[in-house]
Amino acid sequence: MEVDKVVALPRLSRVAVCGGTHGNELSGVYLVRELLKAKEKVMEKEEEESVSVLMVLSNPRAMQQCRRYIDTDLNRCFTHATLSGPMSDMAPYEIMRSRELNAMLGPKGSPEAVDLVCDLHNTTANMGLCLIAYSDCDWICLHIFRHLQASHHRSYIHMEKKLILCLRVRFT
């Protein structure tokens, strides 16, 4: 494989790891809680972080009830219209929470936004490890896919109409 030129990619400075977007998917909740514990230990040692990692429990009310959501699916609340439209006191909980998360992690699409959001989910389907990216030209996700393909023998990248990359790794 020939390399035409070396490309310098921007350095990651802020990453968000989110769990509990769907309150009944507990793997992400567990990981975020473990990362918070580990971060406390790092802070005790006063080690300097090269990348700022923000751990977020995305939908605490749904997590408390171990339900997918309270009023509406939080994953569907991050559209431009929902995030920037008028808000009433009677808005569903997840719409209010999406605005809180957007303020914390974004605003979406702005230079101040985190560089990468890892929104962790789980399913009862036999999917193995599955990563979904919402762009086919996102350099961060492409590097993650490349690394996982190199380290797992049975992996496949699937392109869908909406430019969703899905890497499926089956462990045998």
C-alpha atoms as a PDB file:
ATOM      1  CA  MET A   1       0.000   0.000   0.000  1.00  0.00           C
ATOM      2  CA  GLU A   2       1.488   3.329  -1.058  1.00  0.00           C
ATOM      3  CA  VAL A   3       1.044   6.500   0.925  1.00  0.00           C
ATOM      4  CA  ASP A   4       0.851   9.689  -1.136  1.00  0.00           C
ATOM      5  CA  LYS A   5       1.153  12.145   1.724  1.00  0.00           C
ATOM      6  CA  VAL A   6       1.027  12.306   5.477  1.00  0.00           C
ATOM      7  CA  VAL A   7      -2.146  13.842   6.839  1.00  0.00           C
ATOM      8  CA  ALA A   8      -2.155  15.487  10.250  1.00  0.00           C
ATOM      9  CA  LEU A   9      -5.480  14.916  11.949  1.00  0.00           C
ATOM     10  CA  PRO A  10      -6.757  17.196  14.685  1.00  0.00           C
ATOM     11  CA  ARG A  11      -6.187  16.037  18.233  1.00  0.00           C
ATOM     12  CA  LEU A  12      -9.163  14.976  20.334  1.00  0.00           C
ATOM     13  CA  SER A  13      -9.600  17.271  23.295  1.00  0.00           C
ATOM     14  CA  ARG A  14     -13.112  16.466  24.590  1.00  0.00           C
ATOM     15  CA  VAL A  15     -14.893  13.109  24.526  1.00  0.00           C
ATOM     16  CA  ALA A  16     -18.257  12.224  26.065  1.00  0.00           C
ATOM     17  CA  VAL A  17     -19.171   8.691  27.144  1.00  0.00           C
ATOM     18  CA  CYS A  18     -22.937   8.441  27.609  1.00  0.00           C
ATOM     19  CA  GLY A  19     -24.903   5.597  29.140  1.00  0.00           C
ATOM     20  CA  GLY A  20     -28.557   5.221  29.986  1.00  0.00           C
ATOM     21  CA  THR A  21     -30.014   6.998  26.950  1.00  0.00           C
ATOM     22  CA  HIS A  22     -32.521   4.185  27.124  1.00  0.00           C
ATOM     23  CA  GLY A  23     -33.108   3.561  30.817  1.00  0.00           C
ATOM     24  CA  ASN A  24     -33.485  -0.201  30.460  1.00  0.00           C
ATOM     25  CA  GLU A  25     -30.100  -0.639  28.720  1.00  0.00           C
ATOM     26  CA  LEU A  26     -27.790  -1.057  31.673  1.00  0.00           C
ATOM     27  CA  SER A  27     -24.395  -1.846  30.098  1.00  0.00           C
ATOM     28  CA  GLY A  28     -23.692   1.829  29.377  1.00  0.00           C
ATOM     29  CA  VAL A  29     -24.915   2.861  32.827  1.00  0.00           C
ATOM     30  CA  TYR A  30     -22.532   0.358  34.428  1.00  0.00           C
ATOM     31  CA  LEU A  31     -19.589   1.510  32.299  1.00  0.00           C
ATOM     32  CA  VAL A  32     -20.188   5.214  33.017  1.00  0.00           C
ATOM     33  CA  ARG A  33     -20.365   4.505  36.750  1.00  0.00           C
ATOM     34  CA  GLU A  34     -17.124   2.494  36.593  1.00  0.00           C
ATOM     35  CA  LEU A  35     -15.422   5.270  34.597  1.00  0.00           C
ATOM     36  CA  LEU A  36     -16.536   7.803  37.207  1.00  0.00           C
ATOM     37  CA  LYS A  37     -14.942   5.656  39.941  1.00  0.00           C
ATOM     38  CA  ALA A  38     -11.733   5.342  37.915  1.00  0.00           C
ATOM     39  CA  LYS A  39     -11.665   9.086  37.277  1.00  0.00           C
ATOM     40  CA  GLU A  40     -11.883   9.759  41.021  1.00  0.00           C
ATOM     41  CA  LYS A  41      -8.811   7.557  41.548  1.00  0.00           C
ATOM     42  CA  VAL A  42      -6.928   9.415  38.801  1.00  0.00           C
ATOM     43  CA  MET A  43      -7.887  12.763  40.355  1.00  0.00           C
ATOM     44  CA  GLU A  44      -6.530  11.554  43.715  1.00  0.00           C
ATOM     45  CA  LYS A  45      -3.174  10.877  42.063  1.00  0.00           C
ATOM     46  CA  GLU A  46      -3.328  14.333  40.417  1.00  0.00           C
ATOM     47  CA  GLU A  47      -2.409  12.948  37.018  1.00  0.00           C
ATOM     48  CA  GLU A  48      -2.906  15.361  34.156  1.00  0.00           C
ATOM     49  CA  GLU A  49      -5.458  14.318  31.561  1.00  0.00           C
ATOM     50  CA  SER A  50      -4.474  14.648  27.910  1.00  0.00           C
ATOM     51  CA  VAL A  51      -8.097  14.296  26.821  1.00  0.00           C
ATOM     52  CA  SER A  52     -11.074  15.572  28.778  1.00  0.00           C
ATOM     53  CA  VAL A  53     -13.554  12.703  29.171  1.00  0.00           C
ATOM     54  CA  LEU A  54     -17.039  13.616  30.307  1.00  0.00           C
ATOM     55  CA  MET A  55     -19.131  10.745  31.662  1.00  0.00           C
ATOM     56  CA  VAL A  56     -22.887  11.256  31.371  1.00  0.00           C
ATOM     57  CA  LEU A  57     -25.898   9.301  32.603  1.00  0.00           C
ATOM     58  CA  SER A  58     -28.200  10.510  29.853  1.00  0.00           C
ATOM     59  CA  ASN A  59     -31.711   9.648  31.020  1.00  0.00           C
ATOM     60  CA  PRO A  60     -31.719   9.339  34.833  1.00  0.00           C
ATOM     61  CA  ARG A  61     -35.510   9.229  35.238  1.00  0.00           C
ATOM     62  CA  ALA A  62     -35.855   6.337  32.791  1.00  0.00           C
ATOM     63  CA  MET A  63     -32.906   4.606  34.481  1.00  0.00           C
ATOM     64  CA  GLN A  64     -34.609   4.885  37.883  1.00  0.00           C
ATOM     65  CA  GLN A  65     -37.689   3.170  36.458  1.00  0.00           C
ATOM     66  CA  CYS A  66     -35.653   0.771  34.268  1.00  0.00           C
ATOM     67  CA  ARG A  67     -37.771   1.831  31.282  1.00  0.00           C
ATOM     68  CA  ARG A  68     -36.644   2.692  27.760  1.00  0.00           C
ATOM     69  CA  TYR A  69     -37.993   6.231  28.210  1.00  0.00           C
ATOM     70  CA  ILE A  70     -40.500   8.249  30.236  1.00  0.00           C
ATOM     71  CA  ASP A  71     -42.366  10.260  27.567  1.00  0.00           C
ATOM     72  CA  THR A  72     -40.496   9.861  24.271  1.00  0.00           C
ATOM     73  CA  ASP A  73     -37.326   8.229  22.927  1.00  0.00           C
ATOM     74  CA  LEU A  74     -34.407  10.489  23.931  1.00  0.00           C
ATOM     75  CA  ASN A  75     -32.451   9.453  20.818  1.00  0.00           C
ATOM     76  CA  ARG A  76     -35.131  11.096  18.660  1.00  0.00           C
ATOM     77  CA  CYS A  77     -34.914  14.443  20.498  1.00  0.00           C
ATOM     78  CA  PHE A  78     -31.618  15.731  19.082  1.00  0.00           C
ATOM     79  CA  THR A  79     -32.954  17.267  15.866  1.00  0.00           C
ATOM     80  CA  HIS A  80     -32.245  20.918  15.129  1.00  0.00           C
ATOM     81  CA  ALA A  81     -35.977  21.692  15.361  1.00  0.00           C
ATOM     82  CA  THR A  82     -36.318  20.092  18.798  1.00  0.00           C
ATOM     83  CA  LEU A  83     -33.144  21.637  20.198  1.00  0.00           C
ATOM     84  CA  SER A  84     -33.812  25.158  18.951  1.00  0.00           C
ATOM     85  CA  GLY A  85     -37.620  25.347  18.819  1.00  0.00           C
ATOM     86  CA  PRO A  86     -39.909  26.908  21.405  1.00  0.00           C
ATOM     87  CA  MET A  87     -40.165  25.130  24.750  1.00  0.00           C
ATOM     88  CA  SER A  88     -43.147  24.957  27.052  1.00  0.00           C
ATOM     89  CA  ASP A  89     -43.362  23.936  30.695  1.00  0.00           C
ATOM     90  CA  MET A  90     -45.414  20.959  29.528  1.00  0.00           C
ATOM     91  CA  ALA A  91     -42.686  19.601  27.203  1.00  0.00           C
ATOM     92  CA  PRO A  92     -41.929  15.891  27.577  1.00  0.00           C
ATOM     93  CA  TYR A  93     -39.098  15.063  29.976  1.00  0.00           C
ATOM     94  CA  GLU A  94     -36.784  13.738  27.257  1.00  0.00           C
ATOM     95  CA  ILE A  95     -37.121  16.924  25.197  1.00  0.00           C
ATOM     96  CA  MET A  96     -36.096  18.989  28.224  1.00  0.00           C
ATOM     97  CA  ARG A  97     -33.259  16.545  28.918  1.00  0.00           C
ATOM     98  CA  SER A  98     -32.044  16.698  25.294  1.00  0.00           C
ATOM     99  CA  ARG A  99     -31.646  20.458  25.657  1.00  0.00           C
ATOM    100  CA  GLU A 100     -29.707  20.006  28.902  1.00  0.00           C
ATOM    101  CA  LEU A 101     -27.423  17.469  27.220  1.00  0.00           C
ATOM    102  CA  ASN A 102     -27.000  19.720  24.183  1.00  0.00           C
ATOM    103  CA  ALA A 103     -25.889  22.571  26.449  1.00  0.00           C
ATOM    104  CA  MET A 104     -23.511  20.225  28.292  1.00  0.00           C
ATOM    105  CA  LEU A 105     -21.995  18.522  25.222  1.00  0.00           C
ATOM    106  CA  GLY A 106     -22.474  21.096  22.502  1.00  0.00           C
ATOM    107  CA  PRO A 107     -24.197  22.990  21.293  1.00  0.00           C
ATOM    108  CA  LYS A 108     -24.546  20.446  18.488  1.00  0.00           C
ATOM    109  CA  GLY A 109     -22.446  21.376  15.467  1.00  0.00           C
ATOM    110  CA  SER A 110     -20.553  24.184  17.197  1.00  0.00           C
ATOM    111  CA  PRO A 111     -16.776  24.473  17.662  1.00  0.00           C
ATOM    112  CA  GLU A 112     -17.347  24.183  21.436  1.00  0.00           C
ATOM    113  CA  ALA A 113     -19.028  20.785  21.098  1.00  0.00           C
ATOM    114  CA  VAL A 114     -17.254  17.626  22.229  1.00  0.00           C
ATOM    115  CA  ASP A 115     -15.155  15.956  19.545  1.00  0.00           C
ATOM    116  CA  LEU A 116     -16.732  12.532  19.977  1.00  0.00           C
ATOM    117  CA  VAL A 117     -19.855  11.206  21.697  1.00  0.00           C
ATOM    118  CA  CYS A 118     -19.852   7.488  22.529  1.00  0.00           C
ATOM    119  CA  ASP A 119     -23.505   6.751  23.252  1.00  0.00           C
ATOM    120  CA  LEU A 120     -23.529   3.210  24.641  1.00  0.00           C
ATOM    121  CA  HIS A 121     -26.491   0.899  24.033  1.00  0.00           C
ATOM    122  CA  ASN A 122     -27.189  -2.794  24.329  1.00  0.00           C
ATOM    123  CA  THR A 123     -29.680  -5.202  22.835  1.00  0.00           C
ATOM    124  CA  THR A 124     -30.889  -8.751  23.262  1.00  0.00           C
ATOM    125  CA  ALA A 125     -30.174  -9.420  19.562  1.00  0.00           C
ATOM    126  CA  ASN A 126     -27.089 -11.497  18.747  1.00  0.00           C
ATOM    127  CA  MET A 127     -25.163  -8.632  17.146  1.00  0.00           C
ATOM    128  CA  GLY A 128     -21.786  -8.997  18.814  1.00  0.00           C
ATOM    129  CA  LEU A 129     -19.924  -5.696  18.940  1.00  0.00           C
ATOM    130  CA  CYS A 130     -21.716  -3.151  16.758  1.00  0.00           C
ATOM    131  CA  LEU A 131     -20.589   0.424  16.162  1.00  0.00           C
ATOM    132  CA  ILE A 132     -22.788   2.863  14.265  1.00  0.00           C
ATOM    133  CA  ALA A 133     -21.485   6.183  12.949  1.00  0.00           C
ATOM    134  CA  TYR A 134     -23.693   8.772  11.314  1.00  0.00           C
ATOM    135  CA  SER A 135     -21.168   9.806   8.678  1.00  0.00           C
ATOM    136  CA  ASP A 136     -18.974   7.923   6.231  1.00  0.00           C
ATOM    137  CA  CYS A 137     -16.241  10.559   6.388  1.00  0.00           C
ATOM    138  CA  ASP A 138     -15.823  11.052  10.126  1.00  0.00           C
ATOM    139  CA  TRP A 139     -12.094  10.472  10.631  1.00  0.00           C
ATOM    140  CA  ILE A 140     -12.458   9.445  14.277  1.00  0.00           C
ATOM    141  CA  CYS A 141     -14.979   6.700  13.555  1.00  0.00           C
ATOM    142  CA  LEU A 142     -13.049   5.485  10.521  1.00  0.00           C
ATOM    143  CA  HIS A 143      -9.948   5.035  12.692  1.00  0.00           C
ATOM    144  CA  ILE A 144     -11.961   3.170  15.322  1.00  0.00           C
ATOM    145  CA  PHE A 145     -13.398   0.884  12.628  1.00  0.00           C
ATOM    146  CA  ARG A 146      -9.927   0.292  11.150  1.00  0.00           C
ATOM    147  CA  HIS A 147      -8.464  -0.578  14.549  1.00  0.00           C
ATOM    148  CA  LEU A 148     -11.274  -3.011  15.367  1.00  0.00           C
ATOM    149  CA  GLN A 149     -11.104  -4.650  11.947  1.00  0.00           C
ATOM    150  CA  ALA A 150      -7.373  -5.217  12.394  1.00  0.00           C
ATOM    151  CA  SER A 151      -7.797  -6.657  15.891  1.00  0.00           C
ATOM    152  CA  HIS A 152     -10.832  -8.894  15.203  1.00  0.00           C
ATOM    153  CA  HIS A 153     -10.631 -11.476  12.429  1.00  0.00           C
ATOM    154  CA  ARG A 154     -14.347 -11.748  11.725  1.00  0.00           C
ATOM    155  CA  SER A 155     -15.527  -8.192  11.224  1.00  0.00           C
ATOM    156  CA  TYR A 156     -17.641  -6.582   8.545  1.00  0.00           C
ATOM    157  CA  ILE A 157     -18.454  -3.001   7.644  1.00  0.00           C
ATOM    158  CA  HIS A 158     -21.973  -2.469   6.376  1.00  0.00           C
ATOM    159  CA  MET A 159     -23.031   0.731   4.593  1.00  0.00           C
ATOM    160  CA  GLU A 160     -26.687   1.699   4.653  1.00  0.00           C
ATOM    161  CA  LYS A 161     -28.534   4.346   2.627  1.00  0.00           C
ATOM    162  CA  LYS A 162     -28.198   7.023   5.287  1.00  0.00           C
ATOM    163  CA  LEU A 163     -24.397   6.693   5.374  1.00  0.00           C
ATOM    164  CA  ILE A 164     -24.479   4.676   8.560  1.00  0.00           C
ATOM    165  CA  LEU A 165     -21.378   2.591   9.024  1.00  0.00           C
ATOM    166  CA  CYS A 166     -21.911  -0.504  11.051  1.00  0.00           C
ATOM    167  CA  LEU A 167     -19.031  -2.706  12.101  1.00  0.00           C
ATOM    168  CA  ARG A 168     -20.132  -6.083  13.342  1.00  0.00           C
ATOM    169  CA  VAL A 169     -17.654  -8.239  15.166  1.00  0.00           C
ATOM    170  CA  ARG A 170     -18.734 -11.738  16.112  1.00  0.00           C
ATOM    171  CA  PHE A 171     -16.862 -13.466  18.886  1.00  0.00           C
ATOM    172  CA  THR A 172     -16.607 -17.237  18.573  1.00  0.00           C
END
